[in-house]
Protein backbone atom coordinates (compact mmCIF):
# COMPACT_ATOMS: atom_id res chain seq x y z
CA MET A 1 -6.05 14.03 -1.97
CA GLY A 2 -3.33 14.76 -4.53
CA PHE A 3 -2.43 11.23 -5.68
CA LYS A 4 -1.42 10.77 -9.31
CA PRO A 5 -1.67 7.47 -11.24
CA LEU A 6 1.55 6.07 -12.65
CA HIS A 7 1.71 6.31 -16.44
CA PHE A 8 2.60 2.64 -16.88
CA ASP A 9 0.09 1.25 -14.33
CA PRO A 10 -3.19 3.09 -13.66
CA CYS A 11 -3.80 0.94 -10.55
CA VAL A 12 -0.80 2.46 -8.75
CA PHE A 13 -1.05 5.97 -7.32
CA ILE A 14 1.74 8.06 -5.81
CA TYR A 15 1.83 11.22 -3.74
CA PHE A 16 4.91 13.29 -2.91
CA ASN A 17 4.94 15.39 0.26
CA GLU A 18 8.08 17.20 1.42
CA GLY A 19 10.36 14.56 -0.11
CA ARG A 20 8.32 11.64 1.24
CA LYS A 21 6.32 9.23 -0.94
CA THR A 22 3.03 7.52 -0.23
CA ILE A 23 1.98 4.79 -2.66
CA ILE A 24 -1.45 3.19 -3.09
CA VAL A 25 -1.84 -0.04 -5.07
CA VAL A 26 -5.43 -0.89 -6.02
CA TYR A 27 -6.42 -4.51 -6.67
CA VAL A 28 -10.14 -5.08 -7.17
CA ASP A 29 -11.56 -3.83 -3.84
CA ASP A 30 -8.35 -3.89 -1.81
CA LEU A 31 -5.76 -1.18 -1.29
CA THR A 32 -2.15 -1.71 -0.31
CA ILE A 33 -0.71 1.50 1.07
CA VAL A 34 2.99 2.13 1.64
CA GLY A 35 4.50 5.16 3.33
CA ILE A 36 5.60 6.52 6.68
CA ARG A 37 3.20 6.22 9.63
CA GLN A 38 2.44 9.96 9.85
CA ASP A 39 1.38 10.14 6.19
CA LEU A 40 -0.55 6.86 6.41
CA ASP A 41 -2.56 8.14 9.37
CA VAL A 42 -3.55 11.28 7.45
CA LEU A 43 -4.48 9.26 4.36
CA ILE A 44 -6.53 6.72 6.31
CA ALA A 45 -8.39 9.49 8.15
CA GLY A 46 -9.23 11.09 4.79
CA LEU A 47 -10.40 7.79 3.34
CA ASN A 48 -12.51 7.15 6.45
CA ASN A 49 -14.38 10.39 5.73
CA GLN A 50 -15.57 8.95 2.40
CA PHE A 51 -15.58 5.16 2.84
CA THR A 52 -15.69 2.41 5.43
CA VAL A 53 -12.06 1.40 5.85
CA ALA A 54 -10.83 -1.86 7.40
CA ILE A 55 -7.17 -1.93 8.39
CA LYS A 56 -5.78 -5.45 8.10
CA GLY A 57 -2.34 -4.81 9.55
CA PRO A 58 1.17 -4.94 8.13
CA LEU A 59 1.61 -6.26 4.61
CA GLY A 60 2.80 -9.86 4.49
CA TRP A 61 1.61 -11.08 1.07
CA LEU A 62 0.77 -9.25 -2.15
CA LEU A 63 -0.48 -11.05 -5.28
CA GLY A 64 1.25 -14.30 -4.32
CA PHE A 65 4.54 -12.69 -3.29
CA GLU A 66 5.84 -12.60 0.24
CA VAL A 67 6.73 -9.09 1.40
CA GLN A 68 9.33 -8.73 4.15
CA GLN A 69 9.42 -5.54 6.20
CA SER A 70 12.25 -4.20 8.33
CA SER A 71 13.48 -0.87 9.66
CA ASN A 72 15.50 -0.56 6.42
CA GLY A 73 12.41 -0.75 4.20
CA VAL A 74 10.33 -3.31 2.36
CA LYS A 75 11.72 -6.21 0.34
CA GLN A 76 9.81 -8.47 -2.04
CA ALA A 77 10.78 -12.07 -1.58
CA ALA A 78 10.61 -14.67 -4.34
CA ALA A 79 7.22 -16.02 -5.32
CA ILE A 80 6.11 -18.58 -2.78
CA HIS A 81 3.07 -20.77 -3.13
CA ARG A 82 1.10 -20.88 0.10
CA PRO A 83 -0.67 -24.17 0.76
CA THR A 84 -4.36 -24.12 -0.05
CA PRO A 85 -6.39 -24.55 3.17
């Protein structure tokens, strides 16, 4: 699919397409994918051809960090400890 691992972190993959970036972060058996909707739809369709894919919705937390999304982009908030259920 054209993704290349980052040199400093082999669990992060990036793909450039016409000036746009799509990023995949792999953590155990989960993927966090960041990009524009059009590119995400193409990527997810390609992954669905090879694997069973479950879409869990917009990113809210990643490795204990809150992630805030807006029309201006994505911002990582300070580490916040969620209460244990």
